[in-house]
Amino acid sequence: MTSRRRIRLFLDSNVLTAGIISPWGLDKAVLSLCAARICKLVLAKVVRDEVEENLLLHAERLPSIDADQLLEDYRRLIKLTNPELVPYPDKDMVRSSQHLIRHAADVPVLLSAMASKPDWLLTHNTKHFTSAVAQRTSLRIATPAEFFRALSALFR
């Protein structure tokens, strides 16, 4: 049996957070592909920190038992996926790369994706992660739905 390289998925915080919080959906399906090690989760530390902050804020609004379960589910996901971690980009690089994307808060995420060279960057933030950004950076940027449509084309 030959070993094929896994599809490397760089997830923006909105996809990762929604996949953890939602009971079902395409975001959860993306995480399931990573947990089953069919795809490789590429996790930027800047994204990880944002997700953890979002999960803690969400957990504050839940009953204690549900909050504990949410955080345990996140820890289990990280263990199951064994993500490829991408360090924070250099601050000077962030300052000099503001022209790549119009929202300054997205620059570290974009630079992390560029540094890791994933097969796909999955996001729901199509307002900032536009086709022009994809062209400037040579990244394949898509929503989870677009990713699954492209994946399904492989089986036709």
C-alpha atoms as a PDB file:
ATOM      1  CA  MET A   1       0.000   0.000   0.000  1.00  0.00           C
ATOM      2  CA  THR A   2       1.401   3.405  -0.955  1.00  0.00           C
ATOM      3  CA  SER A   3       1.181   6.293   1.441  1.00  0.00           C
ATOM      4  CA  ARG A   4      -0.361   9.485   0.078  1.00  0.00           C
ATOM      5  CA  ARG A   5       0.355  12.904   1.480  1.00  0.00           C
ATOM      6  CA  ARG A   6      -2.544  14.265   3.469  1.00  0.00           C
ATOM      7  CA  ILE A   7      -4.281  17.463   2.383  1.00  0.00           C
ATOM      8  CA  ARG A   8      -2.983  20.245   4.644  1.00  0.00           C
ATOM      9  CA  LEU A   9      -5.770  22.542   5.876  1.00  0.00           C
ATOM     10  CA  PHE A  10      -5.005  25.915   7.442  1.00  0.00           C
ATOM     11  CA  LEU A  11      -8.139  26.882   9.354  1.00  0.00           C
ATOM     12  CA  ASP A  12      -9.071  30.440  10.212  1.00  0.00           C
ATOM     13  CA  SER A  13     -10.383  30.936  13.732  1.00  0.00           C
ATOM     14  CA  ASN A  14     -14.015  31.251  12.587  1.00  0.00           C
ATOM     15  CA  VAL A  15     -13.978  27.767  11.026  1.00  0.00           C
ATOM     16  CA  LEU A  16     -12.166  26.183  13.955  1.00  0.00           C
ATOM     17  CA  THR A  17     -14.358  27.848  16.588  1.00  0.00           C
ATOM     18  CA  ALA A  18     -17.592  27.019  14.770  1.00  0.00           C
ATOM     19  CA  GLY A  19     -16.469  23.428  14.281  1.00  0.00           C
ATOM     20  CA  ILE A  20     -15.879  23.034  17.991  1.00  0.00           C
ATOM     21  CA  ILE A  21     -19.053  24.781  19.146  1.00  0.00           C
ATOM     22  CA  SER A  22     -21.531  23.562  16.508  1.00  0.00           C
ATOM     23  CA  PRO A  23     -23.208  20.190  16.991  1.00  0.00           C
ATOM     24  CA  TRP A  24     -22.939  19.501  13.239  1.00  0.00           C
ATOM     25  CA  GLY A  25     -22.138  21.188   9.929  1.00  0.00           C
ATOM     26  CA  LEU A  26     -19.317  21.588   7.444  1.00  0.00           C
ATOM     27  CA  ASP A  27     -16.999  23.207   9.992  1.00  0.00           C
ATOM     28  CA  LYS A  28     -17.415  20.146  12.215  1.00  0.00           C
ATOM     29  CA  ALA A  29     -16.896  17.913   9.156  1.00  0.00           C
ATOM     30  CA  VAL A  30     -13.570  19.643   8.411  1.00  0.00           C
ATOM     31  CA  LEU A  31     -12.465  18.984  11.995  1.00  0.00           C
ATOM     32  CA  SER A  32     -13.583  15.369  11.671  1.00  0.00           C
ATOM     33  CA  LEU A  33     -11.369  14.944   8.600  1.00  0.00           C
ATOM     34  CA  CYS A  34      -8.454  16.307  10.625  1.00  0.00           C
ATOM     35  CA  ALA A  35      -9.256  14.229  13.731  1.00  0.00           C
ATOM     36  CA  ALA A  36      -9.385  11.087  11.567  1.00  0.00           C
ATOM     37  CA  ARG A  37      -6.021  12.180  10.129  1.00  0.00           C
ATOM     38  CA  ILE A  38      -7.394  12.147   6.613  1.00  0.00           C
ATOM     39  CA  CYS A  39      -6.378  15.800   6.392  1.00  0.00           C
ATOM     40  CA  LYS A  40      -3.623  17.558   8.335  1.00  0.00           C
ATOM     41  CA  LEU A  41      -4.634  20.498  10.529  1.00  0.00           C
ATOM     42  CA  VAL A  42      -2.227  23.395  10.101  1.00  0.00           C
ATOM     43  CA  LEU A  43      -2.730  25.561  13.179  1.00  0.00           C
ATOM     44  CA  ALA A  44      -1.192  29.004  13.480  1.00  0.00           C
ATOM     45  CA  LYS A  45      -0.440  30.042  17.037  1.00  0.00           C
ATOM     46  CA  VAL A  46      -2.207  33.348  16.329  1.00  0.00           C
ATOM     47  CA  VAL A  47      -5.340  31.390  15.340  1.00  0.00           C
ATOM     48  CA  ARG A  48      -5.004  29.010  18.291  1.00  0.00           C
ATOM     49  CA  ASP A  49      -4.856  31.910  20.745  1.00  0.00           C
ATOM     50  CA  GLU A  50      -7.910  33.583  19.197  1.00  0.00           C
ATOM     51  CA  VAL A  51      -9.871  30.317  19.265  1.00  0.00           C
ATOM     52  CA  GLU A  52      -8.978  29.661  22.897  1.00  0.00           C
ATOM     53  CA  GLU A  53     -10.066  33.189  23.826  1.00  0.00           C
ATOM     54  CA  ASN A  54     -13.347  32.742  21.924  1.00  0.00           C
ATOM     55  CA  LEU A  55     -14.000  29.369  23.561  1.00  0.00           C
ATOM     56  CA  LEU A  56     -13.415  30.787  27.034  1.00  0.00           C
ATOM     57  CA  LEU A  57     -15.843  33.649  26.304  1.00  0.00           C
ATOM     58  CA  HIS A  58     -18.411  31.170  24.983  1.00  0.00           C
ATOM     59  CA  ALA A  59     -17.885  28.847  27.972  1.00  0.00           C
ATOM     60  CA  GLU A  60     -18.660  31.709  30.386  1.00  0.00           C
ATOM     61  CA  ARG A  61     -22.215  31.757  29.045  1.00  0.00           C
ATOM     62  CA  LEU A  62     -22.748  28.016  29.511  1.00  0.00           C
ATOM     63  CA  PRO A  63     -23.689  25.980  32.561  1.00  0.00           C
ATOM     64  CA  SER A  64     -20.540  24.774  34.311  1.00  0.00           C
ATOM     65  CA  ILE A  65     -20.841  21.159  33.154  1.00  0.00           C
ATOM     66  CA  ASP A  66     -21.296  22.236  29.499  1.00  0.00           C
ATOM     67  CA  ALA A  67     -18.394  24.688  29.729  1.00  0.00           C
ATOM     68  CA  ASP A  68     -16.128  21.953  31.087  1.00  0.00           C
ATOM     69  CA  GLN A  69     -17.229  19.611  28.278  1.00  0.00           C
ATOM     70  CA  LEU A  70     -16.575  22.264  25.621  1.00  0.00           C
ATOM     71  CA  LEU A  71     -13.035  22.844  26.851  1.00  0.00           C
ATOM     72  CA  GLU A  72     -12.411  19.097  27.150  1.00  0.00           C
ATOM     73  CA  ASP A  73     -13.689  18.615  23.581  1.00  0.00           C
ATOM     74  CA  TYR A  74     -11.213  21.256  22.402  1.00  0.00           C
ATOM     75  CA  ARG A  75      -8.309  19.587  24.232  1.00  0.00           C
ATOM     76  CA  ARG A  76      -9.308  16.223  22.755  1.00  0.00           C
ATOM     77  CA  LEU A  77      -9.520  17.694  19.262  1.00  0.00           C
ATOM     78  CA  ILE A  78      -5.989  19.084  19.552  1.00  0.00           C
ATOM     79  CA  LYS A  79      -4.718  15.726  20.765  1.00  0.00           C
ATOM     80  CA  LEU A  80      -6.512  13.797  17.991  1.00  0.00           C
ATOM     81  CA  THR A  81      -5.426  16.114  15.188  1.00  0.00           C
ATOM     82  CA  ASN A  82      -1.815  16.533  16.322  1.00  0.00           C
ATOM     83  CA  PRO A  83      -1.702  19.832  14.413  1.00  0.00           C
ATOM     84  CA  GLU A  84       1.253  21.263  12.583  1.00  0.00           C
ATOM     85  CA  LEU A  85       1.895  24.449  14.590  1.00  0.00           C
ATOM     86  CA  VAL A  86       2.892  27.661  12.833  1.00  0.00           C
ATOM     87  CA  PRO A  87       4.704  30.281  14.937  1.00  0.00           C
ATOM     88  CA  TYR A  88       3.673  33.909  15.194  1.00  0.00           C
ATOM     89  CA  PRO A  89       5.045  35.978  12.319  1.00  0.00           C
ATOM     90  CA  ASP A  90       7.747  38.531  13.018  1.00  0.00           C
ATOM     91  CA  LYS A  91       6.333  41.937  14.081  1.00  0.00           C
ATOM     92  CA  ASP A  92       8.363  43.780  11.446  1.00  0.00           C
ATOM     93  CA  MET A  93       6.999  41.437   8.794  1.00  0.00           C
ATOM     94  CA  VAL A  94       3.450  42.105  10.008  1.00  0.00           C
ATOM     95  CA  ARG A  95       4.026  45.876   9.726  1.00  0.00           C
ATOM     96  CA  SER A  96       5.524  45.635   6.248  1.00  0.00           C
ATOM     97  CA  SER A  97       2.765  43.328   4.959  1.00  0.00           C
ATOM     98  CA  GLN A  98      -0.288  45.484   5.700  1.00  0.00           C
ATOM     99  CA  HIS A  99      -0.829  45.888   1.943  1.00  0.00           C
ATOM    100  CA  LEU A 100      -1.657  42.200   1.483  1.00  0.00           C
ATOM    101  CA  ILE A 101      -5.066  42.301   3.176  1.00  0.00           C
ATOM    102  CA  ARG A 102      -7.260  45.232   4.106  1.00  0.00           C
ATOM    103  CA  HIS A 103      -7.975  44.268   7.727  1.00  0.00           C
ATOM    104  CA  ALA A 104      -4.891  44.729   9.921  1.00  0.00           C
ATOM    105  CA  ALA A 105      -5.952  42.042  12.413  1.00  0.00           C
ATOM    106  CA  ASP A 106      -5.858  39.451   9.603  1.00  0.00           C
ATOM    107  CA  VAL A 107      -2.240  40.160   8.588  1.00  0.00           C
ATOM    108  CA  PRO A 108      -0.660  37.764  11.152  1.00  0.00           C
ATOM    109  CA  VAL A 109      -3.101  35.027  10.125  1.00  0.00           C
ATOM    110  CA  LEU A 110      -2.359  35.571   6.439  1.00  0.00           C
ATOM    111  CA  LEU A 111       1.417  35.613   7.010  1.00  0.00           C
ATOM    112  CA  SER A 112       1.175  32.404   9.040  1.00  0.00           C
ATOM    113  CA  ALA A 113      -0.741  30.770   6.203  1.00  0.00           C
ATOM    114  CA  MET A 114       1.796  31.960   3.651  1.00  0.00           C
ATOM    115  CA  ALA A 115       4.678  30.641   5.762  1.00  0.00           C
ATOM    116  CA  SER A 116       3.067  27.208   6.154  1.00  0.00           C
ATOM    117  CA  LYS A 117       2.080  26.833   2.468  1.00  0.00           C
ATOM    118  CA  PRO A 118      -1.103  24.805   3.077  1.00  0.00           C
ATOM    119  CA  ASP A 119      -3.108  23.149   0.344  1.00  0.00           C
ATOM    120  CA  TRP A 120      -6.156  25.150   1.466  1.00  0.00           C
ATOM    121  CA  LEU A 121      -6.887  28.110   3.756  1.00  0.00           C
ATOM    122  CA  LEU A 122     -10.466  27.667   4.961  1.00  0.00           C
ATOM    123  CA  THR A 123     -12.367  30.695   6.254  1.00  0.00           C
ATOM    124  CA  HIS A 124     -15.831  32.202   6.393  1.00  0.00           C
ATOM    125  CA  ASN A 125     -14.280  35.668   6.243  1.00  0.00           C
ATOM    126  CA  THR A 126     -14.654  36.181   2.501  1.00  0.00           C
ATOM    127  CA  LYS A 127     -14.987  39.937   3.063  1.00  0.00           C
ATOM    128  CA  HIS A 128     -11.267  40.134   3.936  1.00  0.00           C
ATOM    129  CA  PHE A 129      -9.832  36.888   2.518  1.00  0.00           C
ATOM    130  CA  THR A 130     -10.830  37.724  -1.043  1.00  0.00           C
ATOM    131  CA  SER A 131      -9.878  36.274  -4.410  1.00  0.00           C
ATOM    132  CA  ALA A 132      -7.503  39.248  -4.795  1.00  0.00           C
ATOM    133  CA  VAL A 133      -5.768  38.249  -1.541  1.00  0.00           C
ATOM    134  CA  ALA A 134      -5.562  34.672  -2.798  1.00  0.00           C
ATOM    135  CA  GLN A 135      -3.995  35.869  -6.041  1.00  0.00           C
ATOM    136  CA  ARG A 136      -1.476  38.159  -4.271  1.00  0.00           C
ATOM    137  CA  THR A 137      -0.389  35.394  -1.896  1.00  0.00           C
ATOM    138  CA  SER A 138      -0.752  32.280  -4.084  1.00  0.00           C
ATOM    139  CA  LEU A 139      -2.981  30.724  -1.419  1.00  0.00           C
ATOM    140  CA  ARG A 140      -6.039  28.626  -2.222  1.00  0.00           C
ATOM    141  CA  ILE A 141      -8.653  30.335  -0.065  1.00  0.00           C
ATOM    142  CA  ALA A 142     -12.144  28.876   0.273  1.00  0.00           C
ATOM    143  CA  THR A 143     -15.068  28.410   2.597  1.00  0.00           C
ATOM    144  CA  PRO A 144     -15.653  24.906   3.961  1.00  0.00           C
ATOM    145  CA  ALA A 145     -18.536  24.510   1.489  1.00  0.00           C
ATOM    146  CA  GLU A 146     -16.271  25.394  -1.448  1.00  0.00           C
ATOM    147  CA  PHE A 147     -13.636  22.978  -0.135  1.00  0.00           C
ATOM    148  CA  PHE A 148     -16.151  20.116   0.062  1.00  0.00           C
ATOM    149  CA  ARG A 149     -17.456  20.892  -3.444  1.00  0.00           C
ATOM    150  CA  ALA A 150     -13.886  20.700  -4.770  1.00  0.00           C
ATOM    151  CA  LEU A 151     -13.278  17.504  -2.789  1.00  0.00           C
ATOM    152  CA  SER A 152     -16.432  15.909  -4.148  1.00  0.00           C
ATOM    153  CA  ALA A 153     -15.265  16.607  -7.712  1.00  0.00           C
ATOM    154  CA  LEU A 154     -12.431  14.124  -7.099  1.00  0.00           C
ATOM    155  CA  PHE A 155     -15.014  11.346  -6.765  1.00  0.00           C
ATOM    156  CA  ARG A 156     -16.934  12.052  -9.982  1.00  0.00           C
END
